[in-house]
Amino acid sequence: MKKISPMVYVFVTTLLLVTITIMCAMDFPFNWVFYLTVLGQILVVVMVYKVLTDDYKTDKTFEHFYEDRPIQPVEVKAQNEEEKLRL
């Protein structure tokens, strides 16, 4: 069985919640909005679980900043960095 990407869960949940917002603005019947909102809340929990438990590996660190706008790491030293603390 093929594994479903967590981004599919994010897309479906977002689409449902945007649809609910549009339905509220268009005065859809309360029961439709209510049941879809309950379904949306369940999907949010499932989405968060799937995203957090996804087996995702990367070699990026916070030093890489954003991938679409890479920056060179800057080394900043404090004035007393060479001193060692004695406890």
C-alpha atoms as a PDB file:
ATOM      1  CA  MET A   1       0.000   0.000   0.000  1.00  0.00           C
ATOM      2  CA  LYS A   2       1.326   3.415  -0.953  1.00  0.00           C
ATOM      3  CA  LYS A   3       1.957   5.894   1.829  1.00  0.00           C
ATOM      4  CA  ILE A   4      -0.051   9.117   1.626  1.00  0.00           C
ATOM      5  CA  SER A   5       2.017  12.279   1.947  1.00  0.00           C
ATOM      6  CA  PRO A   6       1.233  14.508   4.950  1.00  0.00           C
ATOM      7  CA  MET A   7       0.835  17.398   2.510  1.00  0.00           C
ATOM      8  CA  VAL A   8      -2.320  15.704   1.186  1.00  0.00           C
ATOM      9  CA  TYR A   9      -3.793  15.904   4.685  1.00  0.00           C
ATOM     10  CA  VAL A  10      -2.798  19.562   4.939  1.00  0.00           C
ATOM     11  CA  PHE A  11      -4.380  20.334   1.551  1.00  0.00           C
ATOM     12  CA  VAL A  12      -7.653  18.481   2.269  1.00  0.00           C
ATOM     13  CA  THR A  13      -8.026  20.044   5.726  1.00  0.00           C
ATOM     14  CA  THR A  14      -7.305  23.539   4.433  1.00  0.00           C
ATOM     15  CA  LEU A  15      -9.723  23.102   1.547  1.00  0.00           C
ATOM     16  CA  LEU A  16     -12.483  21.909   3.892  1.00  0.00           C
ATOM     17  CA  LEU A  17     -12.013  24.761   6.359  1.00  0.00           C
ATOM     18  CA  VAL A  18     -11.976  27.383   3.577  1.00  0.00           C
ATOM     19  CA  THR A  19     -15.146  25.803   2.185  1.00  0.00           C
ATOM     20  CA  ILE A  20     -16.794  26.085   5.613  1.00  0.00           C
ATOM     21  CA  THR A  21     -15.869  29.768   5.748  1.00  0.00           C
ATOM     22  CA  ILE A  22     -17.454  30.353   2.344  1.00  0.00           C
ATOM     23  CA  MET A  23     -20.537  28.398   3.378  1.00  0.00           C
ATOM     24  CA  CYS A  24     -20.929  30.584   6.481  1.00  0.00           C
ATOM     25  CA  ALA A  25     -20.682  33.729   4.371  1.00  0.00           C
ATOM     26  CA  MET A  26     -23.345  32.411   1.989  1.00  0.00           C
ATOM     27  CA  ASP A  27     -25.803  31.505   4.793  1.00  0.00           C
ATOM     28  CA  PHE A  28     -25.852  27.763   4.220  1.00  0.00           C
ATOM     29  CA  PRO A  29     -28.073  25.773   6.595  1.00  0.00           C
ATOM     30  CA  PHE A  30     -26.659  25.497  10.098  1.00  0.00           C
ATOM     31  CA  ASN A  31     -26.590  21.689  10.172  1.00  0.00           C
ATOM     32  CA  TRP A  32     -24.349  21.534   7.051  1.00  0.00           C
ATOM     33  CA  VAL A  33     -21.914  24.032   8.538  1.00  0.00           C
ATOM     34  CA  PHE A  34     -21.987  22.366  11.955  1.00  0.00           C
ATOM     35  CA  TYR A  35     -21.255  18.843  10.722  1.00  0.00           C
ATOM     36  CA  LEU A  36     -18.533  20.007   8.347  1.00  0.00           C
ATOM     37  CA  THR A  37     -16.962  22.006  11.191  1.00  0.00           C
ATOM     38  CA  VAL A  38     -16.883  18.889  13.381  1.00  0.00           C
ATOM     39  CA  LEU A  39     -15.349  16.955  10.482  1.00  0.00           C
ATOM     40  CA  GLY A  40     -12.830  19.780  10.021  1.00  0.00           C
ATOM     41  CA  GLN A  41     -11.808  19.630  13.680  1.00  0.00           C
ATOM     42  CA  ILE A  42     -11.245  15.885  13.395  1.00  0.00           C
ATOM     43  CA  LEU A  43      -9.210  16.421  10.228  1.00  0.00           C
ATOM     44  CA  VAL A  44      -7.061  19.037  11.975  1.00  0.00           C
ATOM     45  CA  VAL A  45      -6.161  16.509  14.687  1.00  0.00           C
ATOM     46  CA  VAL A  46      -5.418  13.804  12.080  1.00  0.00           C
ATOM     47  CA  MET A  47      -3.385  16.272  10.008  1.00  0.00           C
ATOM     48  CA  VAL A  48      -1.249  17.340  12.977  1.00  0.00           C
ATOM     49  CA  TYR A  49      -0.652  13.705  13.937  1.00  0.00           C
ATOM     50  CA  LYS A  50       0.349  12.741  10.376  1.00  0.00           C
ATOM     51  CA  VAL A  51       2.692  15.724   9.981  1.00  0.00           C
ATOM     52  CA  LEU A  52       4.400  15.172  13.331  1.00  0.00           C
ATOM     53  CA  THR A  53       4.821  11.407  12.885  1.00  0.00           C
ATOM     54  CA  ASP A  54       6.027  11.576   9.277  1.00  0.00           C
ATOM     55  CA  ASP A  55       9.394   9.886   8.725  1.00  0.00           C
ATOM     56  CA  TYR A  56      11.053  12.942   7.173  1.00  0.00           C
ATOM     57  CA  LYS A  57      14.818  13.329   7.084  1.00  0.00           C
ATOM     58  CA  THR A  58      16.819  16.374   6.043  1.00  0.00           C
ATOM     59  CA  ASP A  59      20.392  17.550   6.212  1.00  0.00           C
ATOM     60  CA  LYS A  60      19.336  21.188   6.597  1.00  0.00           C
ATOM     61  CA  THR A  61      19.878  23.080   9.830  1.00  0.00           C
ATOM     62  CA  PHE A  62      18.844  26.484  11.085  1.00  0.00           C
ATOM     63  CA  GLU A  63      22.106  27.806   9.631  1.00  0.00           C
ATOM     64  CA  HIS A  64      20.668  27.196   6.135  1.00  0.00           C
ATOM     65  CA  PHE A  65      17.816  29.664   6.821  1.00  0.00           C
ATOM     66  CA  TYR A  66      15.217  29.317   4.054  1.00  0.00           C
ATOM     67  CA  GLU A  67      15.948  27.164   1.002  1.00  0.00           C
ATOM     68  CA  ASP A  68      14.500  29.679  -1.429  1.00  0.00           C
ATOM     69  CA  ARG A  69      16.782  32.413  -0.105  1.00  0.00           C
ATOM     70  CA  PRO A  70      20.025  30.880   1.130  1.00  0.00           C
ATOM     71  CA  ILE A  71      22.352  32.999   3.199  1.00  0.00           C
ATOM     72  CA  GLN A  72      25.944  32.521   4.166  1.00  0.00           C
ATOM     73  CA  PRO A  73      26.434  31.643   7.831  1.00  0.00           C
ATOM     74  CA  VAL A  74      27.729  34.530   9.924  1.00  0.00           C
ATOM     75  CA  GLU A  75      30.036  33.821  12.834  1.00  0.00           C
ATOM     76  CA  VAL A  76      29.445  36.108  15.782  1.00  0.00           C
ATOM     77  CA  LYS A  77      31.652  36.019  18.852  1.00  0.00           C
ATOM     78  CA  ALA A  78      30.807  37.515  22.199  1.00  0.00           C
ATOM     79  CA  GLN A  79      33.403  39.729  23.875  1.00  0.00           C
ATOM     80  CA  ASN A  80      34.081  37.249  26.643  1.00  0.00           C
ATOM     81  CA  GLU A  81      33.800  34.074  24.573  1.00  0.00           C
ATOM     82  CA  GLU A  82      37.430  33.092  25.201  1.00  0.00           C
ATOM     83  CA  GLU A  83      36.953  33.274  28.971  1.00  0.00           C
ATOM     84  CA  LYS A  84      35.885  30.066  30.633  1.00  0.00           C
ATOM     85  CA  LEU A  85      33.343  30.067  33.395  1.00  0.00           C
ATOM     86  CA  ARG A  86      34.482  28.612  36.664  1.00  0.00           C
ATOM     87  CA  LEU A  87      31.811  27.333  38.980  1.00  0.00           C
END
